[in-house]
């Protein structure tokens, strides 16, 4: 505990700015997509970079899944047009 008291105040300020920036970015991005903005914003204040990495992975996975379904639907339509 004594080591934490000796840490320079600039380090604590930097950590606070980093967490606040991460939280704000997650909140704004999630709000623009309509995805539980308050949850992501509050979780982003707790630690770094787990909330950011989790959010990015979930967004990438969801977009990949949506594109894959869209592509499959387009292929089914093209196949149906060729048969008809």
PDB file of N, CA and C in Angstrom:
ATOM      1  N   UNK A   1       0.828  -1.193   0.000  1.00  0.00           N
ATOM      2  CA  UNK A   1       0.000   0.000   0.000  1.00  0.00           C
ATOM      3  C   UNK A   1       0.868   1.250   0.000  1.00  0.00           C
ATOM      4  N   UNK A   2       2.006   1.169   0.614  1.00  0.00           N
ATOM      5  CA  UNK A   2       2.903   2.313   0.693  1.00  0.00           C
ATOM      6  C   UNK A   2       3.452   2.690  -0.687  1.00  0.00           C
ATOM      7  N   UNK A   3       3.581   1.682  -1.572  1.00  0.00           N
ATOM      8  CA  UNK A   3       4.081   1.955  -2.917  1.00  0.00           C
ATOM      9  C   UNK A   3       3.095   2.801  -3.724  1.00  0.00           C
ATOM     10  N   UNK A   4       1.800   2.588  -3.516  1.00  0.00           N
ATOM     11  CA  UNK A   4       0.797   3.363  -4.243  1.00  0.00           C
ATOM     12  C   UNK A   4       0.836   4.836  -3.845  1.00  0.00           C
ATOM     13  N   UNK A   5       1.180   5.119  -2.615  1.00  0.00           N
ATOM     14  CA  UNK A   5       1.249   6.502  -2.159  1.00  0.00           C
ATOM     15  C   UNK A   5       2.431   7.227  -2.782  1.00  0.00           C
ATOM     16  N   UNK A   6       3.443   6.479  -3.215  1.00  0.00           N
ATOM     17  CA  UNK A   6       4.638   7.087  -3.783  1.00  0.00           C
ATOM     18  C   UNK A   6       4.530   7.314  -5.296  1.00  0.00           C
ATOM     19  N   UNK A   7       3.482   6.820  -5.917  1.00  0.00           N
ATOM     20  CA  UNK A   7       3.316   6.969  -7.361  1.00  0.00           C
ATOM     21  C   UNK A   7       3.029   8.429  -7.683  1.00  0.00           C
ATOM     22  N   UNK A   8       3.657   8.903  -8.744  1.00  0.00           N
ATOM     23  CA  UNK A   8       3.516  10.303  -9.155  1.00  0.00           C
ATOM     24  C   UNK A   8       2.062  10.614  -9.531  1.00  0.00           C
ATOM     25  N   UNK A   9       1.603  11.808  -9.218  1.00  0.00           N
ATOM     26  CA  UNK A   9       0.226  12.208  -9.486  1.00  0.00           C
ATOM     27  C   UNK A   9      -0.070  12.258 -10.980  1.00  0.00           C
ATOM     28  N   UNK A  10       0.972  12.476 -11.793  1.00  0.00           N
ATOM     29  CA  UNK A  10       0.751  12.526 -13.245  1.00  0.00           C
ATOM     30  C   UNK A  10       0.350  11.170 -13.803  1.00  0.00           C
ATOM     31  N   UNK A  11       0.862  10.111 -13.203  1.00  0.00           N
ATOM     32  CA  UNK A  11       0.463   8.766 -13.625  1.00  0.00           C
ATOM     33  C   UNK A  11      -1.022   8.546 -13.336  1.00  0.00           C
ATOM     34  N   UNK A  12      -1.482   8.935 -12.151  1.00  0.00           N
ATOM     35  CA  UNK A  12      -2.892   8.800 -11.812  1.00  0.00           C
ATOM     36  C   UNK A  12      -3.767   9.652 -12.725  1.00  0.00           C
ATOM     37  N   UNK A  13      -3.306  10.831 -13.055  1.00  0.00           N
ATOM     38  CA  UNK A  13      -4.052  11.694 -13.966  1.00  0.00           C
ATOM     39  C   UNK A  13      -4.145  11.047 -15.352  1.00  0.00           C
ATOM     40  N   UNK A  14      -3.048  10.490 -15.814  1.00  0.00           N
ATOM     41  CA  UNK A  14      -3.042   9.811 -17.120  1.00  0.00           C
ATOM     42  C   UNK A  14      -3.983   8.613 -17.149  1.00  0.00           C
ATOM     43  N   UNK A  15      -3.987   7.833 -16.079  1.00  0.00           N
ATOM     44  CA  UNK A  15      -4.892   6.686 -15.994  1.00  0.00           C
ATOM     45  C   UNK A  15      -6.346   7.159 -16.004  1.00  0.00           C
ATOM     46  N   UNK A  16      -6.634   8.218 -15.267  1.00  0.00           N
ATOM     47  CA  UNK A  16      -7.994   8.759 -15.241  1.00  0.00           C
ATOM     48  C   UNK A  16      -8.445   9.252 -16.603  1.00  0.00           C
ATOM     49  N   UNK A  17      -7.558   9.958 -17.312  1.00  0.00           N
ATOM     50  CA  UNK A  17      -7.894  10.452 -18.648  1.00  0.00           C
ATOM     51  C   UNK A  17      -8.111   9.287 -19.608  1.00  0.00           C
ATOM     52  N   UNK A  18      -7.268   8.270 -19.519  1.00  0.00           N
ATOM     53  CA  UNK A  18      -7.401   7.091 -20.378  1.00  0.00           C
ATOM     54  C   UNK A  18      -8.736   6.393 -20.149  1.00  0.00           C
ATOM     55  N   UNK A  19      -9.097   6.177 -18.897  1.00  0.00           N
ATOM     56  CA  UNK A  19     -10.362   5.508 -18.590  1.00  0.00           C
ATOM     57  C   UNK A  19     -11.565   6.356 -19.003  1.00  0.00           C
ATOM     58  N   UNK A  20     -11.485   7.664 -18.783  1.00  0.00           N
ATOM     59  CA  UNK A  20     -12.584   8.543 -19.168  1.00  0.00           C
ATOM     60  C   UNK A  20     -12.753   8.576 -20.695  1.00  0.00           C
ATOM     61  N   UNK A  21     -11.642   8.620 -21.418  1.00  0.00           N
ATOM     62  CA  UNK A  21     -11.710   8.629 -22.886  1.00  0.00           C
ATOM     63  C   UNK A  21     -12.287   7.318 -23.414  1.00  0.00           C
ATOM     64  N   UNK A  22     -11.848   6.198 -22.840  1.00  0.00           N
ATOM     65  CA  UNK A  22     -12.378   4.902 -23.256  1.00  0.00           C
ATOM     66  C   UNK A  22     -13.873   4.820 -22.982  1.00  0.00           C
ATOM     67  N   UNK A  23     -14.270   5.244 -21.801  1.00  0.00           N
ATOM     68  CA  UNK A  23     -15.672   5.199 -21.412  1.00  0.00           C
ATOM     69  C   UNK A  23     -16.534   6.065 -22.328  1.00  0.00           C
ATOM     70  N   UNK A  24     -16.071   7.267 -22.603  1.00  0.00           N
ATOM     71  CA  UNK A  24     -16.817   8.179 -23.471  1.00  0.00           C
ATOM     72  C   UNK A  24     -16.936   7.619 -24.883  1.00  0.00           C
ATOM     73  N   UNK A  25     -15.845   7.082 -25.404  1.00  0.00           N
ATOM     74  CA  UNK A  25     -15.871   6.502 -26.749  1.00  0.00           C
ATOM     75  C   UNK A  25     -16.819   5.321 -26.847  1.00  0.00           C
ATOM     76  N   UNK A  26     -16.769   4.434 -25.864  1.00  0.00           N
ATOM     77  CA  UNK A  26     -17.675   3.290 -25.866  1.00  0.00           C
ATOM     78  C   UNK A  26     -19.126   3.741 -25.759  1.00  0.00           C
ATOM     79  N   UNK A  27     -19.390   4.703 -24.873  1.00  0.00           N
ATOM     80  CA  UNK A  27     -20.753   5.192 -24.701  1.00  0.00           C
ATOM     81  C   UNK A  27     -21.292   5.795 -25.999  1.00  0.00           C
ATOM     82  N   UNK A  28     -20.516   6.672 -26.624  1.00  0.00           N
ATOM     83  CA  UNK A  28     -20.987   7.339 -27.840  1.00  0.00           C
ATOM     84  C   UNK A  28     -21.194   6.354 -28.986  1.00  0.00           C
ATOM     85  N   UNK A  29     -20.275   5.415 -29.146  1.00  0.00           N
ATOM     86  CA  UNK A  29     -20.401   4.441 -30.226  1.00  0.00           C
ATOM     87  C   UNK A  29     -21.595   3.522 -29.995  1.00  0.00           C
ATOM     88  N   UNK A  30     -21.746   3.058 -28.759  1.00  0.00           N
ATOM     89  CA  UNK A  30     -22.872   2.176 -28.458  1.00  0.00           C
ATOM     90  C   UNK A  30     -24.201   2.917 -28.585  1.00  0.00           C
ATOM     91  N   UNK A  31     -24.243   4.192 -28.181  1.00  0.00           N
ATOM     92  CA  UNK A  31     -25.476   4.964 -28.287  1.00  0.00           C
ATOM     93  C   UNK A  31     -25.860   5.175 -29.751  1.00  0.00           C
ATOM     94  N   UNK A  32     -24.870   5.391 -30.615  1.00  0.00           N
ATOM     95  CA  UNK A  32     -25.185   5.603 -32.025  1.00  0.00           C
ATOM     96  C   UNK A  32     -25.718   4.326 -32.671  1.00  0.00           C
ATOM     97  N   UNK A  33     -25.366   3.178 -32.109  1.00  0.00           N
ATOM     98  CA  UNK A  33     -25.858   1.905 -32.630  1.00  0.00           C
ATOM     99  C   UNK A  33     -27.027   1.352 -31.820  1.00  0.00           C
ATOM    100  N   UNK A  34     -27.391   2.041 -30.735  1.00  0.00           N
ATOM    101  CA  UNK A  34     -28.513   1.601 -29.925  1.00  0.00           C
ATOM    102  C   UNK A  34     -28.225   0.349 -29.124  1.00  0.00           C
ATOM    103  N   UNK A  35     -27.036   0.229 -28.583  1.00  0.00           N
ATOM    104  CA  UNK A  35     -26.624  -0.987 -27.900  1.00  0.00           C
ATOM    105  C   UNK A  35     -26.196  -0.748 -26.451  1.00  0.00           C
ATOM    106  N   UNK A  36     -27.119  -0.644 -25.526  1.00  0.00           N
ATOM    107  CA  UNK A  36     -26.832  -0.556 -24.089  1.00  0.00           C
ATOM    108  C   UNK A  36     -25.696   0.413 -23.781  1.00  0.00           C
ATOM    109  N   UNK A  37     -25.865   1.655 -24.143  1.00  0.00           N
ATOM    110  CA  UNK A  37     -24.802   2.655 -24.034  1.00  0.00           C
ATOM    111  C   UNK A  37     -24.332   2.852 -22.599  1.00  0.00           C
ATOM    112  N   UNK A  38     -25.262   2.884 -21.648  1.00  0.00           N
ATOM    113  CA  UNK A  38     -24.858   3.118 -20.262  1.00  0.00           C
ATOM    114  C   UNK A  38     -24.023   1.975 -19.716  1.00  0.00           C
ATOM    115  N   UNK A  39     -24.360   0.770 -20.090  1.00  0.00           N
ATOM    116  CA  UNK A  39     -23.562  -0.377 -19.647  1.00  0.00           C
ATOM    117  C   UNK A  39     -22.126  -0.262 -20.131  1.00  0.00           C
ATOM    118  N   UNK A  40     -21.952   0.008 -21.426  1.00  0.00           N
ATOM    119  CA  UNK A  40     -20.601   0.092 -21.983  1.00  0.00           C
ATOM    120  C   UNK A  40     -19.845   1.281 -21.415  1.00  0.00           C
ATOM    121  N   UNK A  41     -20.533   2.394 -21.211  1.00  0.00           N
ATOM    122  CA  UNK A  41     -19.882   3.567 -20.649  1.00  0.00           C
ATOM    123  C   UNK A  41     -19.405   3.345 -19.223  1.00  0.00           C
ATOM    124  N   UNK A  42     -20.243   2.748 -18.408  1.00  0.00           N
ATOM    125  CA  UNK A  42     -19.850   2.488 -17.021  1.00  0.00           C
ATOM    126  C   UNK A  42     -18.777   1.412 -16.927  1.00  0.00           C
ATOM    127  N   UNK A  43     -18.879   0.381 -17.740  1.00  0.00           N
ATOM    128  CA  UNK A  43     -17.864  -0.671 -17.707  1.00  0.00           C
ATOM    129  C   UNK A  43     -16.522  -0.128 -18.193  1.00  0.00           C
ATOM    130  N   UNK A  44     -16.575   0.796 -19.131  1.00  0.00           N
ATOM    131  CA  UNK A  44     -15.347   1.403 -19.637  1.00  0.00           C
ATOM    132  C   UNK A  44     -14.600   2.206 -18.588  1.00  0.00           C
ATOM    133  N   UNK A  45     -15.291   2.658 -17.542  1.00  0.00           N
ATOM    134  CA  UNK A  45     -14.637   3.396 -16.455  1.00  0.00           C
ATOM    135  C   UNK A  45     -13.897   2.487 -15.480  1.00  0.00           C
ATOM    136  N   UNK A  46     -14.179   1.212 -15.495  1.00  0.00           N
ATOM    137  CA  UNK A  46     -13.644   0.324 -14.473  1.00  0.00           C
ATOM    138  C   UNK A  46     -12.207  -0.109 -14.723  1.00  0.00           C
ATOM    139  N   UNK A  47     -11.884  -0.509 -15.924  1.00  0.00           N
ATOM    140  CA  UNK A  47     -10.516  -0.939 -16.217  1.00  0.00           C
ATOM    141  C   UNK A  47     -10.248  -0.850 -17.715  1.00  0.00           C
ATOM    142  N   UNK A  48      -8.991  -1.035 -18.078  1.00  0.00           N
ATOM    143  CA  UNK A  48      -8.549  -0.888 -19.468  1.00  0.00           C
ATOM    144  C   UNK A  48      -7.713  -2.100 -19.828  1.00  0.00           C
ATOM    145  N   UNK A  49      -7.771  -2.646 -20.971  1.00  0.00           N
ATOM    146  CA  UNK A  49      -8.565  -2.444 -22.169  1.00  0.00           C
ATOM    147  C   UNK A  49      -9.653  -3.486 -22.361  1.00  0.00           C
ATOM    148  N   UNK A  50      -9.956  -4.275 -21.345  1.00  0.00           N
ATOM    149  CA  UNK A  50     -10.940  -5.362 -21.496  1.00  0.00           C
ATOM    150  C   UNK A  50     -12.289  -4.911 -22.047  1.00  0.00           C
ATOM    151  N   UNK A  51     -12.905  -3.843 -21.528  1.00  0.00           N
ATOM    152  CA  UNK A  51     -14.200  -3.434 -22.095  1.00  0.00           C
ATOM    153  C   UNK A  51     -14.086  -3.040 -23.571  1.00  0.00           C
ATOM    154  N   UNK A  52     -13.021  -2.366 -23.914  1.00  0.00           N
ATOM    155  CA  UNK A  52     -12.823  -1.939 -25.296  1.00  0.00           C
ATOM    156  C   UNK A  52     -12.646  -3.141 -26.219  1.00  0.00           C
ATOM    157  N   UNK A  53     -11.829  -4.085 -25.816  1.00  0.00           N
ATOM    158  CA  UNK A  53     -11.589  -5.266 -26.641  1.00  0.00           C
ATOM    159  C   UNK A  53     -12.853  -6.110 -26.775  1.00  0.00           C
ATOM    160  N   UNK A  54     -13.587  -6.255 -25.687  1.00  0.00           N
ATOM    161  CA  UNK A  54     -14.835  -7.030 -25.728  1.00  0.00           C
ATOM    162  C   UNK A  54     -15.841  -6.369 -26.665  1.00  0.00           C
ATOM    163  N   UNK A  55     -15.982  -5.052 -26.555  1.00  0.00           N
ATOM    164  CA  UNK A  55     -16.927  -4.334 -27.409  1.00  0.00           C
ATOM    165  C   UNK A  55     -16.540  -4.473 -28.886  1.00  0.00           C
ATOM    166  N   UNK A  56     -15.263  -4.297 -29.164  1.00  0.00           N
ATOM    167  CA  UNK A  56     -14.817  -4.407 -30.554  1.00  0.00           C
ATOM    168  C   UNK A  56     -15.026  -5.812 -31.100  1.00  0.00           C
ATOM    169  N   UNK A  57     -14.706  -6.825 -30.309  1.00  0.00           N
ATOM    170  CA  UNK A  57     -14.912  -8.199 -30.772  1.00  0.00           C
ATOM    171  C   UNK A  57     -16.383  -8.488 -31.027  1.00  0.00           C
ATOM    172  N   UNK A  58     -17.244  -8.036 -30.132  1.00  0.00           N
ATOM    173  CA  UNK A  58     -18.674  -8.273 -30.325  1.00  0.00           C
ATOM    174  C   UNK A  58     -19.198  -7.541 -31.552  1.00  0.00           C
ATOM    175  N   UNK A  59     -18.744  -6.325 -31.773  1.00  0.00           N
ATOM    176  CA  UNK A  59     -19.191  -5.564 -32.939  1.00  0.00           C
ATOM    177  C   UNK A  59     -18.684  -6.193 -34.233  1.00  0.00           C
ATOM    178  N   UNK A  60     -17.430  -6.585 -34.258  1.00  0.00           N
ATOM    179  CA  UNK A  60     -16.859  -7.210 -35.459  1.00  0.00           C
ATOM    180  C   UNK A  60     -17.574  -8.518 -35.744  1.00  0.00           C
ATOM    181  N   UNK A  61     -17.810  -9.317 -34.699  1.00  0.00           N
ATOM    182  CA  UNK A  61     -18.485 -10.599 -34.879  1.00  0.00           C
ATOM    183  C   UNK A  61     -19.910 -10.404 -35.394  1.00  0.00           C
ATOM    184  N   UNK A  62     -20.600  -9.438 -34.829  1.00  0.00           N
ATOM    185  CA  UNK A  62     -21.977  -9.188 -35.246  1.00  0.00           C
ATOM    186  C   UNK A  62     -22.035  -8.704 -36.700  1.00  0.00           C
ATOM    187  N   UNK A  63     -21.123  -7.789 -37.074  1.00  0.00           N
ATOM    188  CA  UNK A  63     -21.093  -7.299 -38.450  1.00  0.00           C
ATOM    189  C   UNK A  63     -20.724  -8.417 -39.421  1.00  0.00           C
ATOM    190  N   UNK A  64     -19.783  -9.285 -39.029  1.00  0.00           N
ATOM    191  CA  UNK A  64     -19.387 -10.410 -39.872  1.00  0.00           C
ATOM    192  C   UNK A  64     -20.567 -11.352 -40.081  1.00  0.00           C
ATOM    193  N   UNK A  65     -21.285 -11.622 -38.997  1.00  0.00           N
ATOM    194  CA  UNK A  65     -22.435 -12.515 -39.074  1.00  0.00           C
ATOM    195  C   UNK A  65     -23.516 -11.923 -39.978  1.00  0.00           C
ATOM    196  N   UNK A  66     -23.760 -10.612 -39.846  1.00  0.00           N
ATOM    197  CA  UNK A  66     -24.780  -9.948 -40.665  1.00  0.00           C
ATOM    198  C   UNK A  66     -24.391  -9.976 -42.148  1.00  0.00           C
ATOM    199  N   UNK A  67     -23.122  -9.698 -42.449  1.00  0.00           N
ATOM    200  CA  UNK A  67     -22.670  -9.724 -43.842  1.00  0.00           C
ATOM    201  C   UNK A  67     -22.764 -11.126 -44.422  1.00  0.00           C
ATOM    202  N   UNK A  68     -22.444 -12.112 -43.611  1.00  0.00           N
ATOM    203  CA  UNK A  68     -22.496 -13.495 -44.071  1.00  0.00           C
ATOM    204  C   UNK A  68     -23.930 -13.902 -44.384  1.00  0.00           C
ATOM    205  N   UNK A  69     -24.879 -13.505 -43.545  1.00  0.00           N
ATOM    206  CA  UNK A  69     -26.283 -13.827 -43.785  1.00  0.00           C
ATOM    207  C   UNK A  69     -26.803 -13.104 -45.016  1.00  0.00           C
ATOM    208  N   UNK A  70     -26.386 -11.851 -45.194  1.00  0.00           N
ATOM    209  CA  UNK A  70     -26.806 -11.081 -46.364  1.00  0.00           C
ATOM    210  C   UNK A  70     -26.279 -11.717 -47.639  1.00  0.00           C
ATOM    211  N   UNK A  71     -25.025 -12.131 -47.610  1.00  0.00           N
ATOM    212  CA  UNK A  71     -24.421 -12.762 -48.781  1.00  0.00           C
ATOM    213  C   UNK A  71     -25.121 -14.079 -49.114  1.00  0.00           C
ATOM    214  N   UNK A  72     -25.460 -14.856 -48.097  1.00  0.00           N
ATOM    215  CA  UNK A  72     -26.151 -16.124 -48.314  1.00  0.00           C
ATOM    216  C   UNK A  72     -27.543 -15.876 -48.898  1.00  0.00           C
ATOM    217  N   UNK A  73     -28.225 -14.861 -48.417  1.00  0.00           N
ATOM    218  CA  UNK A  73     -29.555 -14.543 -48.940  1.00  0.00           C
ATOM    219  C   UNK A  73     -29.470 -14.094 -50.402  1.00  0.00           C
ATOM    220  N   UNK A  74     -28.446 -13.304 -50.728  1.00  0.00           N
ATOM    221  CA  UNK A  74     -28.264 -12.864 -52.113  1.00  0.00           C
ATOM    222  C   UNK A  74     -27.977 -14.051 -53.018  1.00  0.00           C
ATOM    223  N   UNK A  75     -27.159 -14.970 -52.558  1.00  0.00           N
ATOM    224  CA  UNK A  75     -26.851 -16.160 -53.350  1.00  0.00           C
ATOM    225  C   UNK A  75     -28.096 -17.012 -53.564  1.00  0.00           C
ATOM    226  N   UNK A  76     -28.950 -17.102 -52.559  1.00  0.00           N
ATOM    227  CA  UNK A  76     -30.195 -17.858 -52.712  1.00  0.00           C
ATOM    228  C   UNK A  76     -31.108 -17.195 -53.724  1.00  0.00           C
ATOM    229  N   UNK A  77     -31.163 -15.868 -53.719  1.00  0.00           N
ATOM    230  CA  UNK A  77     -31.992 -15.163 -54.696  1.00  0.00           C
ATOM    231  C   UNK A  77     -31.459 -15.345 -56.112  1.00  0.00           C
ATOM    232  N   UNK A  78     -30.145 -15.287 -56.267  1.00  0.00           N
ATOM    233  CA  UNK A  78     -29.549 -15.479 -57.591  1.00  0.00           C
ATOM    234  C   UNK A  78     -29.807 -16.893 -58.100  1.00  0.00           C
ATOM    235  N   UNK A  79     -29.715 -17.856 -57.195  1.00  0.00           N
ATOM    236  CA  UNK A  79     -29.982 -19.243 -57.578  1.00  0.00           C
ATOM    237  C   UNK A  79     -31.433 -19.446 -57.953  1.00  0.00           C
ATOM    238  N   UNK A  80     -32.338 -18.798 -57.276  1.00  0.00           N
ATOM    239  CA  UNK A  80     -33.763 -18.921 -57.568  1.00  0.00           C
ATOM    240  C   UNK A  80     -34.091 -18.276 -58.914  1.00  0.00           C
ATOM    241  N   UNK A  81     -33.427 -17.170 -59.249  1.00  0.00           N
ATOM    242  CA  UNK A  81     -33.665 -16.499 -60.519  1.00  0.00           C
ATOM    243  C   UNK A  81     -33.152 -17.351 -61.677  1.00  0.00           C
ATOM    244  N   UNK A  82     -32.035 -18.027 -61.489  1.00  0.00           N
ATOM    245  CA  UNK A  82     -31.483 -18.883 -62.551  1.00  0.00           C
ATOM    246  C   UNK A  82     -32.391 -20.075 -62.820  1.00  0.00           C
ATOM    247  N   UNK A  83     -32.983 -20.608 -61.776  1.00  0.00           N
ATOM    248  CA  UNK A  83     -33.858 -21.776 -61.925  1.00  0.00           C
ATOM    249  C   UNK A  83     -35.178 -21.386 -62.578  1.00  0.00           C
ATOM    250  N   UNK A  84     -35.653 -20.157 -62.308  1.00  0.00           N
ATOM    251  CA  UNK A  84     -36.974 -19.744 -62.780  1.00  0.00           C
ATOM    252  C   UNK A  84     -36.860 -19.184 -64.106  1.00  0.00           C
TER     253      UNK A  84
END
